Amino acid sequence: LSLLLQTCFQRRLYLFRQDCKFSGFVTVEEGPIKGNQIKFKLKDVGRISFSRDLPVHDLVREWTLLDKNTLQARLSMETLTHGMQEHTFIRYHKIAP
């Protein structure tokens, strides 16, 4: 997993995320940082083995810092058979200083 922070030409802050999975897929996601939120959008899925093509058409991953102790993560996905819908919702609460 590698993260690269970069400033774009429009003076907006973007975050790029690359992830290699045990399934043999590599994903590339990017998105803007706006206030307390990062919204990744799937840009590319590549195969690094003989795994079959994924039926995923679109994927959006949102991370929002709700307050100093609460981080919220949402994953929305569109597949070959289903339109865009929320797939996962997690709210993390800080328990230690």
PDB file of N, CA and C in Angstrom:
ATOM      1  N   LEU A   1       0.858  -1.187   0.000  1.00  0.00           N
ATOM      2  CA  LEU A   1       0.000   0.000   0.000  1.00  0.00           C
ATOM      3  C   LEU A   1       0.892   1.234   0.000  1.00  0.00           C
ATOM      4  N   SER A   2       0.657   2.088  -0.921  1.00  0.00           N
ATOM      5  CA  SER A   2       1.439   3.322  -0.947  1.00  0.00           C
ATOM      6  C   SER A   2       0.510   4.510  -1.122  1.00  0.00           C
ATOM      7  N   LEU A   3       0.794   5.565  -0.420  1.00  0.00           N
ATOM      8  CA  LEU A   3      -0.001   6.796  -0.518  1.00  0.00           C
ATOM      9  C   LEU A   3       0.911   7.923  -0.977  1.00  0.00           C
ATOM     10  N   LEU A   4       0.433   8.725  -1.886  1.00  0.00           N
ATOM     11  CA  LEU A   4       1.203   9.851  -2.392  1.00  0.00           C
ATOM     12  C   LEU A   4       0.321  11.083  -2.362  1.00  0.00           C
ATOM     13  N   LEU A   5       0.780  12.112  -1.675  1.00  0.00           N
ATOM     14  CA  LEU A   5       0.042  13.370  -1.578  1.00  0.00           C
ATOM     15  C   LEU A   5       0.606  14.335  -2.611  1.00  0.00           C
ATOM     16  N   GLN A   6      -0.264  14.948  -3.394  1.00  0.00           N
ATOM     17  CA  GLN A   6       0.201  15.803  -4.480  1.00  0.00           C
ATOM     18  C   GLN A   6      -0.769  16.959  -4.687  1.00  0.00           C
ATOM     19  N   THR A   7      -0.250  18.130  -5.039  1.00  0.00           N
ATOM     20  CA  THR A   7      -1.085  19.284  -5.346  1.00  0.00           C
ATOM     21  C   THR A   7      -1.331  19.330  -6.841  1.00  0.00           C
ATOM     22  N   CYS A   8      -2.582  19.465  -7.242  1.00  0.00           N
ATOM     23  CA  CYS A   8      -2.928  19.516  -8.659  1.00  0.00           C
ATOM     24  C   CYS A   8      -2.876  20.947  -9.165  1.00  0.00           C
ATOM     25  N   PHE A   9      -3.026  21.118 -10.474  1.00  0.00           N
ATOM     26  CA  PHE A   9      -2.930  22.424 -11.108  1.00  0.00           C
ATOM     27  C   PHE A   9      -4.013  23.388 -10.624  1.00  0.00           C
ATOM     28  N   GLN A  10      -5.179  22.890 -10.262  1.00  0.00           N
ATOM     29  CA  GLN A  10      -6.271  23.761  -9.830  1.00  0.00           C
ATOM     30  C   GLN A  10      -6.153  24.140  -8.355  1.00  0.00           C
ATOM     31  N   ARG A  11      -4.987  23.915  -7.763  1.00  0.00           N
ATOM     32  CA  ARG A  11      -4.728  24.220  -6.351  1.00  0.00           C
ATOM     33  C   ARG A  11      -5.623  23.411  -5.413  1.00  0.00           C
ATOM     34  N   ARG A  12      -6.009  22.231  -5.860  1.00  0.00           N
ATOM     35  CA  ARG A  12      -6.771  21.339  -4.996  1.00  0.00           C
ATOM     36  C   ARG A  12      -5.842  20.221  -4.552  1.00  0.00           C
ATOM     37  N   LEU A  13      -6.062  19.708  -3.367  1.00  0.00           N
ATOM     38  CA  LEU A  13      -5.243  18.637  -2.829  1.00  0.00           C
ATOM     39  C   LEU A  13      -5.859  17.296  -3.202  1.00  0.00           C
ATOM     40  N   TYR A  14      -5.061  16.413  -3.772  1.00  0.00           N
ATOM     41  CA  TYR A  14      -5.525  15.085  -4.164  1.00  0.00           C
ATOM     42  C   TYR A  14      -4.713  14.022  -3.443  1.00  0.00           C
ATOM     43  N   LEU A  15      -5.343  12.893  -3.218  1.00  0.00           N
ATOM     44  CA  LEU A  15      -4.672  11.754  -2.620  1.00  0.00           C
ATOM     45  C   LEU A  15      -4.786  10.596  -3.592  1.00  0.00           C
ATOM     46  N   PHE A  16      -3.677   9.916  -3.830  1.00  0.00           N
ATOM     47  CA  PHE A  16      -3.659   8.758  -4.713  1.00  0.00           C
ATOM     48  C   PHE A  16      -3.401   7.517  -3.872  1.00  0.00           C
ATOM     49  N   ARG A  17      -4.091   6.435  -4.154  1.00  0.00           N
ATOM     50  CA  ARG A  17      -3.979   5.209  -3.374  1.00  0.00           C
ATOM     51  C   ARG A  17      -3.819   4.035  -4.324  1.00  0.00           C
ATOM     52  N   GLN A  18      -2.812   3.213  -4.064  1.00  0.00           N
ATOM     53  CA  GLN A  18      -2.617   2.000  -4.848  1.00  0.00           C
ATOM     54  C   GLN A  18      -2.602   0.836  -3.875  1.00  0.00           C
ATOM     55  N   ASP A  19      -3.284  -0.251  -4.226  1.00  0.00           N
ATOM     56  CA  ASP A  19      -3.442  -1.377  -3.320  1.00  0.00           C
ATOM     57  C   ASP A  19      -3.262  -2.675  -4.089  1.00  0.00           C
ATOM     58  N   CYS A  20      -2.385  -3.552  -3.603  1.00  0.00           N
ATOM     59  CA  CYS A  20      -2.226  -4.895  -4.178  1.00  0.00           C
ATOM     60  C   CYS A  20      -2.939  -5.872  -3.257  1.00  0.00           C
ATOM     61  N   LYS A  21      -3.841  -6.655  -3.808  1.00  0.00           N
ATOM     62  CA  LYS A  21      -4.656  -7.567  -3.010  1.00  0.00           C
ATOM     63  C   LYS A  21      -4.193  -9.013  -3.199  1.00  0.00           C
ATOM     64  N   PHE A  22      -4.510  -9.864  -2.227  1.00  0.00           N
ATOM     65  CA  PHE A  22      -4.173 -11.278  -2.315  1.00  0.00           C
ATOM     66  C   PHE A  22      -4.919 -11.975  -3.449  1.00  0.00           C
ATOM     67  N   SER A  23      -5.995 -11.372  -3.930  1.00  0.00           N
ATOM     68  CA  SER A  23      -6.789 -11.959  -5.012  1.00  0.00           C
ATOM     69  C   SER A  23      -6.095 -11.849  -6.365  1.00  0.00           C
ATOM     70  N   GLY A  24      -4.992 -11.109  -6.435  1.00  0.00           N
ATOM     71  CA  GLY A  24      -4.292 -10.944  -7.698  1.00  0.00           C
ATOM     72  C   GLY A  24      -4.644  -9.667  -8.421  1.00  0.00           C
ATOM     73  N   PHE A  25      -5.420  -8.792  -7.796  1.00  0.00           N
ATOM     74  CA  PHE A  25      -5.812  -7.532  -8.415  1.00  0.00           C
ATOM     75  C   PHE A  25      -5.037  -6.370  -7.805  1.00  0.00           C
ATOM     76  N   VAL A  26      -4.769  -5.376  -8.621  1.00  0.00           N
ATOM     77  CA  VAL A  26      -4.162  -4.125  -8.178  1.00  0.00           C
ATOM     78  C   VAL A  26      -5.159  -3.022  -8.498  1.00  0.00           C
ATOM     79  N   THR A  27      -5.481  -2.191  -7.512  1.00  0.00           N
ATOM     80  CA  THR A  27      -6.418  -1.089  -7.754  1.00  0.00           C
ATOM     81  C   THR A  27      -5.688   0.241  -7.630  1.00  0.00           C
ATOM     82  N   VAL A  28      -6.128   1.195  -8.418  1.00  0.00           N
ATOM     83  CA  VAL A  28      -5.616   2.561  -8.350  1.00  0.00           C
ATOM     84  C   VAL A  28      -6.814   3.464  -8.119  1.00  0.00           C
ATOM     85  N   GLU A  29      -6.775   4.228  -7.025  1.00  0.00           N
ATOM     86  CA  GLU A  29      -7.864   5.132  -6.673  1.00  0.00           C
ATOM     87  C   GLU A  29      -7.289   6.524  -6.477  1.00  0.00           C
ATOM     88  N   GLU A  30      -8.102   7.546  -6.758  1.00  0.00           N
ATOM     89  CA  GLU A  30      -7.681   8.915  -6.496  1.00  0.00           C
ATOM     90  C   GLU A  30      -8.890   9.754  -6.153  1.00  0.00           C
ATOM     91  N   GLY A  31      -8.643  10.848  -5.449  1.00  0.00           N
ATOM     92  CA  GLY A  31      -9.751  11.722  -5.111  1.00  0.00           C
ATOM     93  C   GLY A  31      -9.313  12.956  -4.371  1.00  0.00           C
ATOM     94  N   PRO A  32     -10.196  13.947  -4.310  1.00  0.00           N
ATOM     95  CA  PRO A  32      -9.863  15.214  -3.660  1.00  0.00           C
ATOM     96  C   PRO A  32      -9.984  15.139  -2.139  1.00  0.00           C
ATOM     97  N   ILE A  33      -9.198  15.972  -1.485  1.00  0.00           N
ATOM     98  CA  ILE A  33      -9.325  16.178  -0.044  1.00  0.00           C
ATOM     99  C   ILE A  33     -10.066  17.491   0.117  1.00  0.00           C
ATOM    100  N   LYS A  34     -11.257  17.442   0.705  1.00  0.00           N
ATOM    101  CA  LYS A  34     -12.077  18.642   0.911  1.00  0.00           C
ATOM    102  C   LYS A  34     -12.463  18.710   2.379  1.00  0.00           C
ATOM    103  N   GLY A  35     -11.918  19.691   3.076  1.00  0.00           N
ATOM    104  CA  GLY A  35     -12.230  19.826   4.497  1.00  0.00           C
ATOM    105  C   GLY A  35     -11.777  18.607   5.267  1.00  0.00           C
ATOM    106  N   ASN A  36     -12.721  17.924   5.906  1.00  0.00           N
ATOM    107  CA  ASN A  36     -12.425  16.739   6.707  1.00  0.00           C
ATOM    108  C   ASN A  36     -12.741  15.448   5.963  1.00  0.00           C
ATOM    109  N   GLN A  37     -12.807  15.490   4.625  1.00  0.00           N
ATOM    110  CA  GLN A  37     -13.207  14.307   3.865  1.00  0.00           C
ATOM    111  C   GLN A  37     -12.247  14.020   2.711  1.00  0.00           C
ATOM    112  N   ILE A  38     -11.976  12.730   2.520  1.00  0.00           N
ATOM    113  CA  ILE A  38     -11.247  12.236   1.354  1.00  0.00           C
ATOM    114  C   ILE A  38     -12.211  11.318   0.617  1.00  0.00           C
ATOM    115  N   LYS A  39     -12.380  11.541  -0.677  1.00  0.00           N
ATOM    116  CA  LYS A  39     -13.300  10.724  -1.467  1.00  0.00           C
ATOM    117  C   LYS A  39     -12.523  10.096  -2.624  1.00  0.00           C
ATOM    118  N   PHE A  40     -12.207   8.800  -2.476  1.00  0.00           N
ATOM    119  CA  PHE A  40     -11.483   8.062  -3.507  1.00  0.00           C
ATOM    120  C   PHE A  40     -12.450   7.532  -4.549  1.00  0.00           C
ATOM    121  N   LYS A  41     -12.058   7.585  -5.815  1.00  0.00           N
ATOM    122  CA  LYS A  41     -12.836   6.983  -6.899  1.00  0.00           C
ATOM    123  C   LYS A  41     -11.909   6.026  -7.637  1.00  0.00           C
ATOM    124  N   LEU A  42     -12.414   4.829  -7.913  1.00  0.00           N
ATOM    125  CA  LEU A  42     -11.627   3.818  -8.601  1.00  0.00           C
ATOM    126  C   LEU A  42     -11.268   4.303  -9.998  1.00  0.00           C
ATOM    127  N   LYS A  43      -9.995   4.282 -10.332  1.00  0.00           N
ATOM    128  CA  LYS A  43      -9.527   4.703 -11.651  1.00  0.00           C
ATOM    129  C   LYS A  43      -9.153   3.505 -12.514  1.00  0.00           C
ATOM    130  N   ASP A  44      -8.607   2.466 -11.904  1.00  0.00           N
ATOM    131  CA  ASP A  44      -8.151   1.329 -12.695  1.00  0.00           C
ATOM    132  C   ASP A  44      -8.058   0.089 -11.820  1.00  0.00           C
ATOM    133  N   VAL A  45      -8.366  -1.064 -12.404  1.00  0.00           N
ATOM    134  CA  VAL A  45      -8.181  -2.358 -11.766  1.00  0.00           C
ATOM    135  C   VAL A  45      -7.324  -3.177 -12.714  1.00  0.00           C
ATOM    136  N   GLY A  46      -6.222  -3.698 -12.216  1.00  0.00           N
ATOM    137  CA  GLY A  46      -5.357  -4.520 -13.057  1.00  0.00           C
ATOM    138  C   GLY A  46      -5.180  -5.900 -12.464  1.00  0.00           C
ATOM    139  N   ARG A  47      -4.925  -6.874 -13.339  1.00  0.00           N
ATOM    140  CA  ARG A  47      -4.697  -8.242 -12.885  1.00  0.00           C
ATOM    141  C   ARG A  47      -3.202  -8.524 -12.859  1.00  0.00           C
ATOM    142  N   ILE A  48      -2.742  -9.214 -11.811  1.00  0.00           N
ATOM    143  CA  ILE A  48      -1.342  -9.611 -11.738  1.00  0.00           C
ATOM    144  C   ILE A  48      -1.209 -11.129 -11.715  1.00  0.00           C
ATOM    145  N   SER A  49      -2.288 -11.830 -11.989  1.00  0.00           N
ATOM    146  CA  SER A  49      -2.258 -13.293 -12.031  1.00  0.00           C
ATOM    147  C   SER A  49      -3.339 -13.758 -13.000  1.00  0.00           C
ATOM    148  N   PHE A  50      -3.706 -15.009 -12.904  1.00  0.00           N
ATOM    149  CA  PHE A  50      -4.726 -15.569 -13.793  1.00  0.00           C
ATOM    150  C   PHE A  50      -6.136 -15.424 -13.230  1.00  0.00           C
ATOM    151  N   SER A  51      -6.335 -14.505 -12.289  1.00  0.00           N
ATOM    152  CA  SER A  51      -7.664 -14.304 -11.709  1.00  0.00           C
ATOM    153  C   SER A  51      -8.614 -13.738 -12.758  1.00  0.00           C
ATOM    154  N   ARG A  52      -9.896 -14.007 -12.584  1.00  0.00           N
ATOM    155  CA  ARG A  52     -10.901 -13.574 -13.559  1.00  0.00           C
ATOM    156  C   ARG A  52     -11.196 -12.087 -13.399  1.00  0.00           C
ATOM    157  N   ASP A  53     -11.767 -11.482 -14.422  1.00  0.00           N
ATOM    158  CA  ASP A  53     -12.129 -10.067 -14.364  1.00  0.00           C
ATOM    159  C   ASP A  53     -13.203  -9.832 -13.313  1.00  0.00           C
ATOM    160  N   LEU A  54     -13.060  -8.750 -12.565  1.00  0.00           N
ATOM    161  CA  LEU A  54     -14.073  -8.390 -11.578  1.00  0.00           C
ATOM    162  C   LEU A  54     -15.276  -7.759 -12.270  1.00  0.00           C
ATOM    163  N   PRO A  55     -16.496  -8.018 -11.757  1.00  0.00           N
ATOM    164  CA  PRO A  55     -17.685  -7.398 -12.334  1.00  0.00           C
ATOM    165  C   PRO A  55     -17.930  -5.982 -11.802  1.00  0.00           C
ATOM    166  N   VAL A  56     -16.933  -5.387 -11.125  1.00  0.00           N
ATOM    167  CA  VAL A  56     -17.087  -4.051 -10.549  1.00  0.00           C
ATOM    168  C   VAL A  56     -16.934  -3.001 -11.646  1.00  0.00           C
ATOM    169  N   HIS A  57     -17.935  -2.127 -11.764  1.00  0.00           N
ATOM    170  CA  HIS A  57     -17.898  -1.055 -12.755  1.00  0.00           C
ATOM    171  C   HIS A  57     -17.455   0.257 -12.147  1.00  0.00           C
ATOM    172  N   ASP A  58     -17.821   0.499 -10.888  1.00  0.00           N
ATOM    173  CA  ASP A  58     -17.475   1.753 -10.225  1.00  0.00           C
ATOM    174  C   ASP A  58     -17.346   1.493  -8.732  1.00  0.00           C
ATOM    175  N   LEU A  59     -16.421   2.200  -8.085  1.00  0.00           N
ATOM    176  CA  LEU A  59     -16.196   2.028  -6.663  1.00  0.00           C
ATOM    177  C   LEU A  59     -15.817   3.387  -6.083  1.00  0.00           C
ATOM    178  N   VAL A  60     -16.480   3.786  -4.992  1.00  0.00           N
ATOM    179  CA  VAL A  60     -16.195   5.056  -4.322  1.00  0.00           C
ATOM    180  C   VAL A  60     -15.972   4.764  -2.846  1.00  0.00           C
ATOM    181  N   ARG A  61     -14.851   5.264  -2.327  1.00  0.00           N
ATOM    182  CA  ARG A  61     -14.487   5.057  -0.921  1.00  0.00           C
ATOM    183  C   ARG A  61     -14.384   6.436  -0.274  1.00  0.00           C
ATOM    184  N   GLU A  62     -15.201   6.705   0.750  1.00  0.00           N
ATOM    185  CA  GLU A  62     -15.213   8.014   1.423  1.00  0.00           C
ATOM    186  C   GLU A  62     -14.753   7.864   2.867  1.00  0.00           C
ATOM    187  N   TRP A  63     -13.799   8.695   3.269  1.00  0.00           N
ATOM    188  CA  TRP A  63     -13.339   8.760   4.649  1.00  0.00           C
ATOM    189  C   TRP A  63     -13.638  10.167   5.158  1.00  0.00           C
ATOM    190  N   THR A  64     -14.382  10.259   6.274  1.00  0.00           N
ATOM    191  CA  THR A  64     -14.766  11.557   6.828  1.00  0.00           C
ATOM    192  C   THR A  64     -14.424  11.607   8.310  1.00  0.00           C
ATOM    193  N   LEU A  65     -13.699  12.649   8.717  1.00  0.00           N
ATOM    194  CA  LEU A  65     -13.422  12.877  10.127  1.00  0.00           C
ATOM    195  C   LEU A  65     -14.581  13.696  10.678  1.00  0.00           C
ATOM    196  N   LEU A  66     -15.474  13.038  11.421  1.00  0.00           N
ATOM    197  CA  LEU A  66     -16.677  13.695  11.930  1.00  0.00           C
ATOM    198  C   LEU A  66     -16.362  14.653  13.073  1.00  0.00           C
ATOM    199  N   ASP A  67     -15.486  14.244  13.965  1.00  0.00           N
ATOM    200  CA  ASP A  67     -14.975  15.090  15.044  1.00  0.00           C
ATOM    201  C   ASP A  67     -13.606  14.537  15.429  1.00  0.00           C
ATOM    202  N   LYS A  68     -12.975  15.084  16.457  1.00  0.00           N
ATOM    203  CA  LYS A  68     -11.604  14.666  16.780  1.00  0.00           C
ATOM    204  C   LYS A  68     -11.508  13.211  17.247  1.00  0.00           C
ATOM    205  N   ASN A  69     -12.622  12.583  17.571  1.00  0.00           N
ATOM    206  CA  ASN A  69     -12.609  11.203  18.052  1.00  0.00           C
ATOM    207  C   ASN A  69     -13.349  10.216  17.156  1.00  0.00           C
ATOM    208  N   THR A  70     -13.915  10.665  16.031  1.00  0.00           N
ATOM    209  CA  THR A  70     -14.753   9.792  15.204  1.00  0.00           C
ATOM    210  C   THR A  70     -14.376   9.885  13.727  1.00  0.00           C
ATOM    211  N   LEU A  71     -14.033   8.731  13.148  1.00  0.00           N
ATOM    212  CA  LEU A  71     -13.722   8.622  11.725  1.00  0.00           C
ATOM    213  C   LEU A  71     -14.755   7.700  11.085  1.00  0.00           C
ATOM    214  N   GLN A  72     -15.349   8.149  10.001  1.00  0.00           N
ATOM    215  CA  GLN A  72     -16.388   7.372   9.316  1.00  0.00           C
ATOM    216  C   GLN A  72     -15.872   6.935   7.942  1.00  0.00           C
ATOM    217  N   ALA A  73     -16.119   5.674   7.592  1.00  0.00           N
ATOM    218  CA  ALA A  73     -15.713   5.140   6.288  1.00  0.00           C
ATOM    219  C   ALA A  73     -16.932   4.549   5.593  1.00  0.00           C
ATOM    220  N   ARG A  74     -17.109   4.897   4.317  1.00  0.00           N
ATOM    221  CA  ARG A  74     -18.197   4.356   3.498  1.00  0.00           C
ATOM    222  C   ARG A  74     -17.607   3.828   2.201  1.00  0.00           C
ATOM    223  N   LEU A  75     -18.135   2.699   1.757  1.00  0.00           N
ATOM    224  CA  LEU A  75     -17.734   2.116   0.483  1.00  0.00           C
ATOM    225  C   LEU A  75     -18.988   1.884  -0.337  1.00  0.00           C
ATOM    226  N   SER A  76     -19.060   2.524  -1.502  1.00  0.00           N
ATOM    227  CA  SER A  76     -20.183   2.341  -2.421  1.00  0.00           C
ATOM    228  C   SER A  76     -19.653   1.681  -3.680  1.00  0.00           C
ATOM    229  N   MET A  77     -20.482   0.810  -4.281  1.00  0.00           N
ATOM    230  CA  MET A  77     -20.018   0.024  -5.402  1.00  0.00           C
ATOM    231  C   MET A  77     -21.118  -0.192  -6.426  1.00  0.00           C
ATOM    232  N   GLU A  78     -20.721  -0.187  -7.704  1.00  0.00           N
ATOM    233  CA  GLU A  78     -21.622  -0.562  -8.795  1.00  0.00           C
ATOM    234  C   GLU A  78     -21.013  -1.777  -9.480  1.00  0.00           C
ATOM    235  N   THR A  79     -21.831  -2.821  -9.657  1.00  0.00           N
ATOM    236  CA  THR A  79     -21.345  -4.041 -10.295  1.00  0.00           C
ATOM    237  C   THR A  79     -22.091  -4.286 -11.598  1.00  0.00           C
ATOM    238  N   LEU A  80     -21.745  -5.371 -12.225  1.00  0.00           N
ATOM    239  CA  LEU A  80     -22.378  -5.760 -13.480  1.00  0.00           C
ATOM    240  C   LEU A  80     -23.885  -5.933 -13.317  1.00  0.00           C
ATOM    241  N   THR A  81     -24.318  -6.414 -12.145  1.00  0.00           N
ATOM    242  CA  THR A  81     -25.734  -6.734 -11.929  1.00  0.00           C
ATOM    243  C   THR A  81     -26.478  -5.758 -11.017  1.00  0.00           C
ATOM    244  N   HIS A  82     -25.764  -4.853 -10.318  1.00  0.00           N
ATOM    245  CA  HIS A  82     -26.404  -3.926  -9.381  1.00  0.00           C
ATOM    246  C   HIS A  82     -25.906  -2.506  -9.620  1.00  0.00           C
ATOM    247  N   GLY A  83     -26.812  -1.535  -9.511  1.00  0.00           N
ATOM    248  CA  GLY A  83     -26.435  -0.128  -9.618  1.00  0.00           C
ATOM    249  C   GLY A  83     -25.627   0.304  -8.409  1.00  0.00           C
ATOM    250  N   MET A  84     -25.195   1.554  -8.395  1.00  0.00           N
ATOM    251  CA  MET A  84     -24.399   2.080  -7.288  1.00  0.00           C
ATOM    252  C   MET A  84     -25.192   1.985  -5.989  1.00  0.00           C
ATOM    253  N   GLN A  85     -24.596   1.334  -4.988  1.00  0.00           N
ATOM    254  CA  GLN A  85     -25.238   1.199  -3.681  1.00  0.00           C
ATOM    255  C   GLN A  85     -24.168   1.123  -2.601  1.00  0.00           C
ATOM    256  N   GLU A  86     -24.567   1.511  -1.382  1.00  0.00           N
ATOM    257  CA  GLU A  86     -23.632   1.442  -0.263  1.00  0.00           C
ATOM    258  C   GLU A  86     -23.346  -0.016   0.053  1.00  0.00           C
ATOM    259  N   HIS A  87     -22.081  -0.349   0.120  1.00  0.00           N
ATOM    260  CA  HIS A  87     -21.655  -1.720   0.375  1.00  0.00           C
ATOM    261  C   HIS A  87     -21.224  -1.899   1.827  1.00  0.00           C
ATOM    262  N   THR A  88     -20.472  -0.922   2.345  1.00  0.00           N
ATOM    263  CA  THR A  88     -19.952  -1.011   3.707  1.00  0.00           C
ATOM    264  C   THR A  88     -20.000   0.362   4.371  1.00  0.00           C
ATOM    265  N   PHE A  89     -20.335   0.375   5.657  1.00  0.00           N
ATOM    266  CA  PHE A  89     -20.336   1.600   6.455  1.00  0.00           C
ATOM    267  C   PHE A  89     -19.711   1.264   7.802  1.00  0.00           C
ATOM    268  N   ILE A  90     -18.668   2.000   8.176  1.00  0.00           N
ATOM    269  CA  ILE A  90     -17.988   1.755   9.451  1.00  0.00           C
ATOM    270  C   ILE A  90     -17.747   3.099  10.125  1.00  0.00           C
ATOM    271  N   ARG A  91     -17.952   3.158  11.421  1.00  0.00           N
ATOM    272  CA  ARG A  91     -17.640   4.358  12.196  1.00  0.00           C
ATOM    273  C   ARG A  91     -16.645   3.953  13.287  1.00  0.00           C
ATOM    274  N   TYR A  92     -15.458   4.562  13.227  1.00  0.00           N
ATOM    275  CA  TYR A  92     -14.397   4.276  14.191  1.00  0.00           C
ATOM    276  C   TYR A  92     -14.418   5.336  15.284  1.00  0.00           C
ATOM    277  N   HIS A  93     -14.299   4.882  16.547  1.00  0.00           N
ATOM    278  CA  HIS A  93     -14.241   5.804  17.683  1.00  0.00           C
ATOM    279  C   HIS A  93     -12.889   5.652  18.371  1.00  0.00           C
ATOM    280  N   LYS A  94     -12.246   6.758  18.635  1.00  0.00           N
ATOM    281  CA  LYS A  94     -10.956   6.753  19.312  1.00  0.00           C
ATOM    282  C   LYS A  94     -11.161   6.338  20.762  1.00  0.00           C
ATOM    283  N   ILE A  95     -10.369   5.357  21.219  1.00  0.00           N
ATOM    284  CA  ILE A  95     -10.534   4.880  22.595  1.00  0.00           C
ATOM    285  C   ILE A  95      -9.303   5.140  23.456  1.00  0.00           C
ATOM    286  N   ALA A  96      -8.218   5.598  22.848  1.00  0.00           N
ATOM    287  CA  ALA A  96      -7.004   5.900  23.606  1.00  0.00           C
ATOM    288  C   ALA A  96      -6.453   7.244  23.137  1.00  0.00           C
ATOM    289  N   PRO A  97      -5.780   7.959  24.027  1.00  0.00           N
ATOM    290  CA  PRO A  97      -5.240   9.274  23.638  1.00  0.00           C
ATOM    291  C   PRO A  97      -4.157   9.210  22.588  1.00  0.00           C
TER     292      PRO A  97
END
